[in-house]
Structures are given as structure tokens and as C-alpha cells.
Amino acid sequence: MAKSKQTYTQSINELEKILTELETNQDVNMEVISEKVKRAAVLLEGCKKQLHEIDEDLEKILEKLE
């Protein structure tokens, strides 16, 4: 079953959780750190894409109003 697309807010919340885990974790398990950083990169790319789509939508709306 395919995972549904996260909202921007859900992605930001997950990023904040990852950051907190990395900041407070005393164990230096490079494999875990690597996986968390990879996940963060995926989340950031998704956020960037969503913001770009929102920006395009807003530009279209503003053009119609002019």
C-alpha cells in the first residue's frame, strides 16, 4: 500500500522531531544518524516542492485578480 503524501506541517513536525533526536541523543551510531539525515533530506525536498507549488498557485490567482 502506497504511503500518502505528508502535508507541509507534518513534514516540518517530523523534521523537528529528527533534529531533537539528533541533538539529545548521546549515542554516536553513525548508521542511525545517516538514516535520520537521509530522511530529513527527503522531507526537506518535499517541503521545497510544496512551497514551490503554492507559490505558483498564488501567482496564478494574483494574475487573475489584475
PDB file of N, CA and C in Angstrom:
ATOM      1  N   MET A   1       0.839  -1.182   0.000  1.00  0.00           N
ATOM      2  CA  MET A   1       0.000   0.000   0.000  1.00  0.00           C
ATOM      3  C   MET A   1       0.881   1.241   0.000  1.00  0.00           C
ATOM      4  N   ALA A   2       0.615   2.163  -0.889  1.00  0.00           N
ATOM      5  CA  ALA A   2       1.431   3.363  -1.009  1.00  0.00           C
ATOM      6  C   ALA A   2       1.169   4.311   0.157  1.00  0.00           C
ATOM      7  N   LYS A   3       2.233   4.944   0.603  1.00  0.00           N
ATOM      8  CA  LYS A   3       2.120   5.903   1.697  1.00  0.00           C
ATOM      9  C   LYS A   3       1.583   7.219   1.147  1.00  0.00           C
ATOM     10  N   SER A   4       0.598   7.793   1.846  1.00  0.00           N
ATOM     11  CA  SER A   4       0.021   9.039   1.360  1.00  0.00           C
ATOM     12  C   SER A   4       0.998  10.192   1.579  1.00  0.00           C
ATOM     13  N   LYS A   5       0.846  11.212   0.766  1.00  0.00           N
ATOM     14  CA  LYS A   5       1.726  12.374   0.814  1.00  0.00           C
ATOM     15  C   LYS A   5       1.521  13.141   2.118  1.00  0.00           C
ATOM     16  N   GLN A   6       2.626  13.460   2.776  1.00  0.00           N
ATOM     17  CA  GLN A   6       2.551  14.227   4.005  1.00  0.00           C
ATOM     18  C   GLN A   6       2.262  15.685   3.695  1.00  0.00           C
ATOM     19  N   THR A   7       1.561  16.322   4.613  1.00  0.00           N
ATOM     20  CA  THR A   7       1.362  17.754   4.471  1.00  0.00           C
ATOM     21  C   THR A   7       2.653  18.464   4.845  1.00  0.00           C
ATOM     22  N   TYR A   8       2.711  19.731   4.501  1.00  0.00           N
ATOM     23  CA  TYR A   8       3.878  20.542   4.851  1.00  0.00           C
ATOM     24  C   TYR A   8       4.071  20.538   6.368  1.00  0.00           C
ATOM     25  N   THR A   9       2.990  20.727   7.108  1.00  0.00           N
ATOM     26  CA  THR A   9       3.062  20.780   8.568  1.00  0.00           C
ATOM     27  C   THR A   9       3.546  19.451   9.142  1.00  0.00           C
ATOM     28  N   GLN A  10       3.061  18.355   8.608  1.00  0.00           N
ATOM     29  CA  GLN A  10       3.509  17.037   9.079  1.00  0.00           C
ATOM     30  C   GLN A  10       5.006  16.848   8.832  1.00  0.00           C
ATOM     31  N   SER A  11       5.462  17.295   7.667  1.00  0.00           N
ATOM     32  CA  SER A  11       6.888  17.179   7.338  1.00  0.00           C
ATOM     33  C   SER A  11       7.742  18.025   8.272  1.00  0.00           C
ATOM     34  N   ILE A  12       7.302  19.246   8.531  1.00  0.00           N
ATOM     35  CA  ILE A  12       8.039  20.129   9.439  1.00  0.00           C
ATOM     36  C   ILE A  12       8.085  19.519  10.841  1.00  0.00           C
ATOM     37  N   ASN A  13       6.961  18.977  11.293  1.00  0.00           N
ATOM     38  CA  ASN A  13       6.935  18.335  12.612  1.00  0.00           C
ATOM     39  C   ASN A  13       7.906  17.164  12.679  1.00  0.00           C
ATOM     40  N   GLU A  14       7.951  16.365  11.624  1.00  0.00           N
ATOM     41  CA  GLU A  14       8.881  15.234  11.604  1.00  0.00           C
ATOM     42  C   GLU A  14      10.329  15.714  11.571  1.00  0.00           C
ATOM     43  N   LEU A  15      10.596  16.782  10.811  1.00  0.00           N
ATOM     44  CA  LEU A  15      11.942  17.352  10.783  1.00  0.00           C
ATOM     45  C   LEU A  15      12.362  17.838  12.168  1.00  0.00           C
ATOM     46  N   GLU A  16      11.444  18.498  12.868  1.00  0.00           N
ATOM     47  CA  GLU A  16      11.745  18.979  14.218  1.00  0.00           C
ATOM     48  C   GLU A  16      12.025  17.818  15.167  1.00  0.00           C
ATOM     49  N   LYS A  17      11.280  16.729  15.003  1.00  0.00           N
ATOM     50  CA  LYS A  17      11.497  15.537  15.833  1.00  0.00           C
ATOM     51  C   LYS A  17      12.879  14.948  15.556  1.00  0.00           C
ATOM     52  N   ILE A  18      13.241  14.847  14.297  1.00  0.00           N
ATOM     53  CA  ILE A  18      14.555  14.317  13.930  1.00  0.00           C
ATOM     54  C   ILE A  18      15.653  15.198  14.517  1.00  0.00           C
ATOM     55  N   LEU A  19      15.507  16.495  14.392  1.00  0.00           N
ATOM     56  CA  LEU A  19      16.510  17.424  14.921  1.00  0.00           C
ATOM     57  C   LEU A  19      16.658  17.254  16.430  1.00  0.00           C
ATOM     58  N   THR A  20      15.546  17.171  17.129  1.00  0.00           N
ATOM     59  CA  THR A  20      15.581  16.988  18.579  1.00  0.00           C
ATOM     60  C   THR A  20      16.273  15.682  18.942  1.00  0.00           C
ATOM     61  N   GLU A  21      15.950  14.624  18.221  1.00  0.00           N
ATOM     62  CA  GLU A  21      16.573  13.321  18.482  1.00  0.00           C
ATOM     63  C   GLU A  21      18.078  13.384  18.268  1.00  0.00           C
ATOM     64  N   LEU A  22      18.499  14.059  17.211  1.00  0.00           N
ATOM     65  CA  LEU A  22      19.928  14.158  16.933  1.00  0.00           C
ATOM     66  C   LEU A  22      20.644  15.026  17.974  1.00  0.00           C
ATOM     67  N   GLU A  23      19.977  16.082  18.431  1.00  0.00           N
ATOM     68  CA  GLU A  23      20.586  16.985  19.411  1.00  0.00           C
ATOM     69  C   GLU A  23      20.682  16.359  20.796  1.00  0.00           C
ATOM     70  N   THR A  24      19.716  15.516  21.159  1.00  0.00           N
ATOM     71  CA  THR A  24      19.676  14.986  22.526  1.00  0.00           C
ATOM     72  C   THR A  24      20.254  13.580  22.659  1.00  0.00           C
ATOM     73  N   ASN A  25      20.488  12.909  21.569  1.00  0.00           N
ATOM     74  CA  ASN A  25      20.996  11.542  21.617  1.00  0.00           C
ATOM     75  C   ASN A  25      22.493  11.553  21.877  1.00  0.00           C
ATOM     76  N   GLN A  26      22.889  10.881  22.934  1.00  0.00           N
ATOM     77  CA  GLN A  26      24.307  10.801  23.293  1.00  0.00           C
ATOM     78  C   GLN A  26      25.041   9.685  22.548  1.00  0.00           C
ATOM     79  N   ASP A  27      24.294   8.719  22.024  1.00  0.00           N
ATOM     80  CA  ASP A  27      24.911   7.620  21.287  1.00  0.00           C
ATOM     81  C   ASP A  27      25.328   8.100  19.906  1.00  0.00           C
ATOM     82  N   VAL A  28      26.532   7.727  19.520  1.00  0.00           N
ATOM     83  CA  VAL A  28      27.018   8.111  18.206  1.00  0.00           C
ATOM     84  C   VAL A  28      26.972   6.878  17.304  1.00  0.00           C
ATOM     85  N   ASN A  29      25.761   6.526  16.893  1.00  0.00           N
ATOM     86  CA  ASN A  29      25.568   5.409  15.980  1.00  0.00           C
ATOM     87  C   ASN A  29      25.447   6.012  14.588  1.00  0.00           C
ATOM     88  N   MET A  30      26.510   5.917  13.836  1.00  0.00           N
ATOM     89  CA  MET A  30      26.576   6.565  12.530  1.00  0.00           C
ATOM     90  C   MET A  30      25.508   6.049  11.562  1.00  0.00           C
ATOM     91  N   GLU A  31      25.122   4.799  11.684  1.00  0.00           N
ATOM     92  CA  GLU A  31      24.094   4.262  10.793  1.00  0.00           C
ATOM     93  C   GLU A  31      22.745   4.917  11.070  1.00  0.00           C
ATOM     94  N   VAL A  32      22.424   5.103  12.356  1.00  0.00           N
ATOM     95  CA  VAL A  32      21.168   5.752  12.727  1.00  0.00           C
ATOM     96  C   VAL A  32      21.199   7.217  12.297  1.00  0.00           C
ATOM     97  N   ILE A  33      22.315   7.881  12.554  1.00  0.00           N
ATOM     98  CA  ILE A  33      22.451   9.278  12.163  1.00  0.00           C
ATOM     99  C   ILE A  33      22.304   9.419  10.652  1.00  0.00           C
ATOM    100  N   SER A  34      22.935   8.524   9.915  1.00  0.00           N
ATOM    101  CA  SER A  34      22.854   8.557   8.455  1.00  0.00           C
ATOM    102  C   SER A  34      21.414   8.408   7.979  1.00  0.00           C
ATOM    103  N   GLU A  35      20.672   7.471   8.557  1.00  0.00           N
ATOM    104  CA  GLU A  35      19.278   7.259   8.167  1.00  0.00           C
ATOM    105  C   GLU A  35      18.420   8.483   8.492  1.00  0.00           C
ATOM    106  N   LYS A  36      18.656   9.098   9.635  1.00  0.00           N
ATOM    107  CA  LYS A  36      17.882  10.286  10.016  1.00  0.00           C
ATOM    108  C   LYS A  36      18.189  11.456   9.082  1.00  0.00           C
ATOM    109  N   VAL A  37      19.444  11.610   8.706  1.00  0.00           N
ATOM    110  CA  VAL A  37      19.824  12.690   7.796  1.00  0.00           C
ATOM    111  C   VAL A  37      19.234  12.448   6.407  1.00  0.00           C
ATOM    112  N   LYS A  38      19.225  11.206   5.961  1.00  0.00           N
ATOM    113  CA  LYS A  38      18.621  10.875   4.665  1.00  0.00           C
ATOM    114  C   LYS A  38      17.126  11.181   4.681  1.00  0.00           C
ATOM    115  N   ARG A  39      16.451  10.807   5.770  1.00  0.00           N
ATOM    116  CA  ARG A  39      15.014  11.076   5.891  1.00  0.00           C
ATOM    117  C   ARG A  39      14.766  12.579   5.906  1.00  0.00           C
ATOM    118  N   ALA A  40      15.604  13.315   6.633  1.00  0.00           N
ATOM    119  CA  ALA A  40      15.462  14.773   6.699  1.00  0.00           C
ATOM    120  C   ALA A  40      15.610  15.385   5.306  1.00  0.00           C
ATOM    121  N   ALA A  41      16.542  14.869   4.522  1.00  0.00           N
ATOM    122  CA  ALA A  41      16.741  15.390   3.167  1.00  0.00           C
ATOM    123  C   ALA A  41      15.504  15.164   2.307  1.00  0.00           C
ATOM    124  N   VAL A  42      14.882  13.992   2.440  1.00  0.00           N
ATOM    125  CA  VAL A  42      13.650  13.695   1.695  1.00  0.00           C
ATOM    126  C   VAL A  42      12.537  14.650   2.123  1.00  0.00           C
ATOM    127  N   LEU A  43      12.408  14.846   3.436  1.00  0.00           N
ATOM    128  CA  LEU A  43      11.373  15.750   3.944  1.00  0.00           C
ATOM    129  C   LEU A  43      11.596  17.183   3.466  1.00  0.00           C
ATOM    130  N   LEU A  44      12.844  17.644   3.501  1.00  0.00           N
ATOM    131  CA  LEU A  44      13.148  18.999   3.042  1.00  0.00           C
ATOM    132  C   LEU A  44      12.827  19.174   1.560  1.00  0.00           C
ATOM    133  N   GLU A  45      13.135  18.181   0.764  1.00  0.00           N
ATOM    134  CA  GLU A  45      12.829  18.254  -0.669  1.00  0.00           C
ATOM    135  C   GLU A  45      11.319  18.323  -0.885  1.00  0.00           C
ATOM    136  N   GLY A  46      10.576  17.539  -0.111  1.00  0.00           N
ATOM    137  CA  GLY A  46       9.115  17.580  -0.212  1.00  0.00           C
ATOM    138  C   GLY A  46       8.562  18.940   0.187  1.00  0.00           C
ATOM    139  N   CYS A  47       9.103  19.518   1.248  1.00  0.00           N
ATOM    140  CA  CYS A  47       8.661  20.851   1.685  1.00  0.00           C
ATOM    141  C   CYS A  47       8.956  21.892   0.604  1.00  0.00           C
ATOM    142  N   LYS A  48      10.141  21.805   0.046  1.00  0.00           N
ATOM    143  CA  LYS A  48      10.534  22.735  -1.010  1.00  0.00           C
ATOM    144  C   LYS A  48       9.579  22.639  -2.200  1.00  0.00           C
ATOM    145  N   LYS A  49       9.238  21.425  -2.584  1.00  0.00           N
ATOM    146  CA  LYS A  49       8.331  21.207  -3.713  1.00  0.00           C
ATOM    147  C   LYS A  49       6.944  21.777  -3.403  1.00  0.00           C
ATOM    148  N   GLN A  50       6.452  21.517  -2.196  1.00  0.00           N
ATOM    149  CA  GLN A  50       5.138  22.028  -1.817  1.00  0.00           C
ATOM    150  C   GLN A  50       5.109  23.557  -1.806  1.00  0.00           C
ATOM    151  N   LEU A  51       6.163  24.169  -1.290  1.00  0.00           N
ATOM    152  CA  LEU A  51       6.223  25.634  -1.265  1.00  0.00           C
ATOM    153  C   LEU A  51       6.256  26.201  -2.683  1.00  0.00           C
ATOM    154  N   HIS A  52       6.972  25.547  -3.565  1.00  0.00           N
ATOM    155  CA  HIS A  52       7.042  25.992  -4.962  1.00  0.00           C
ATOM    156  C   HIS A  52       5.660  25.897  -5.622  1.00  0.00           C
ATOM    157  N   GLU A  53       4.947  24.801  -5.351  1.00  0.00           N
ATOM    158  CA  GLU A  53       3.603  24.629  -5.918  1.00  0.00           C
ATOM    159  C   GLU A  53       2.647  25.696  -5.384  1.00  0.00           C
ATOM    160  N   ILE A  54       2.740  25.985  -4.105  1.00  0.00           N
ATOM    161  CA  ILE A  54       1.889  27.016  -3.504  1.00  0.00           C
ATOM    162  C   ILE A  54       2.201  28.374  -4.117  1.00  0.00           C
ATOM    163  N   ASP A  55       3.474  28.651  -4.311  1.00  0.00           N
ATOM    164  CA  ASP A  55       3.888  29.917  -4.909  1.00  0.00           C
ATOM    165  C   ASP A  55       3.315  30.066  -6.317  1.00  0.00           C
ATOM    166  N   GLU A  56       3.378  29.001  -7.101  1.00  0.00           N
ATOM    167  CA  GLU A  56       2.826  29.035  -8.459  1.00  0.00           C
ATOM    168  C   GLU A  56       1.314  29.272  -8.429  1.00  0.00           C
ATOM    169  N   ASP A  57       0.635  28.590  -7.514  1.00  0.00           N
ATOM    170  CA  ASP A  57      -0.818  28.767  -7.393  1.00  0.00           C
ATOM    171  C   ASP A  57      -1.173  30.200  -7.020  1.00  0.00           C
ATOM    172  N   LEU A  58      -0.436  30.767  -6.094  1.00  0.00           N
ATOM    173  CA  LEU A  58      -0.706  32.146  -5.671  1.00  0.00           C
ATOM    174  C   LEU A  58      -0.444  33.138  -6.806  1.00  0.00           C
ATOM    175  N   GLU A  59       0.605  32.895  -7.573  1.00  0.00           N
ATOM    176  CA  GLU A  59       0.890  33.765  -8.714  1.00  0.00           C
ATOM    177  C   GLU A  59      -0.253  33.728  -9.726  1.00  0.00           C
ATOM    178  N   LYS A  60      -0.800  32.545  -9.993  1.00  0.00           N
ATOM    179  CA  LYS A  60      -1.920  32.412 -10.924  1.00  0.00           C
ATOM    180  C   LYS A  60      -3.146  33.157 -10.405  1.00  0.00           C
ATOM    181  N   ILE A  61      -3.413  33.032  -9.120  1.00  0.00           N
ATOM    182  CA  ILE A  61      -4.559  33.721  -8.522  1.00  0.00           C
ATOM    183  C   ILE A  61      -4.377  35.232  -8.629  1.00  0.00           C
ATOM    184  N   LEU A  62      -3.179  35.708  -8.325  1.00  0.00           N
ATOM    185  CA  LEU A  62      -2.939  37.156  -8.384  1.00  0.00           C
ATOM    186  C   LEU A  62      -3.027  37.694  -9.807  1.00  0.00           C
ATOM    187  N   GLU A  63      -2.578  36.890 -10.783  1.00  0.00           N
ATOM    188  CA  GLU A  63      -2.699  37.310 -12.171  1.00  0.00           C
ATOM    189  C   GLU A  63      -4.152  37.466 -12.587  1.00  0.00           C
ATOM    190  N   LYS A  64      -5.013  36.589 -12.112  1.00  0.00           N
ATOM    191  CA  LYS A  64      -6.430  36.667 -12.439  1.00  0.00           C
ATOM    192  C   LYS A  64      -7.099  37.885 -11.812  1.00  0.00           C
ATOM    193  N   LEU A  65      -6.566  38.316 -10.688  1.00  0.00           N
ATOM    194  CA  LEU A  65      -7.136  39.469  -9.996  1.00  0.00           C
ATOM    195  C   LEU A  65      -6.758  40.803 -10.629  1.00  0.00           C
ATOM    196  N   GLU A  66      -5.701  40.791 -11.399  1.00  0.00           N
ATOM    197  CA  GLU A  66      -5.235  42.048 -12.001  1.00  0.00           C
ATOM    198  C   GLU A  66      -6.049  42.465 -13.193  1.00  0.00           C
TER     199      GLU A  66
END
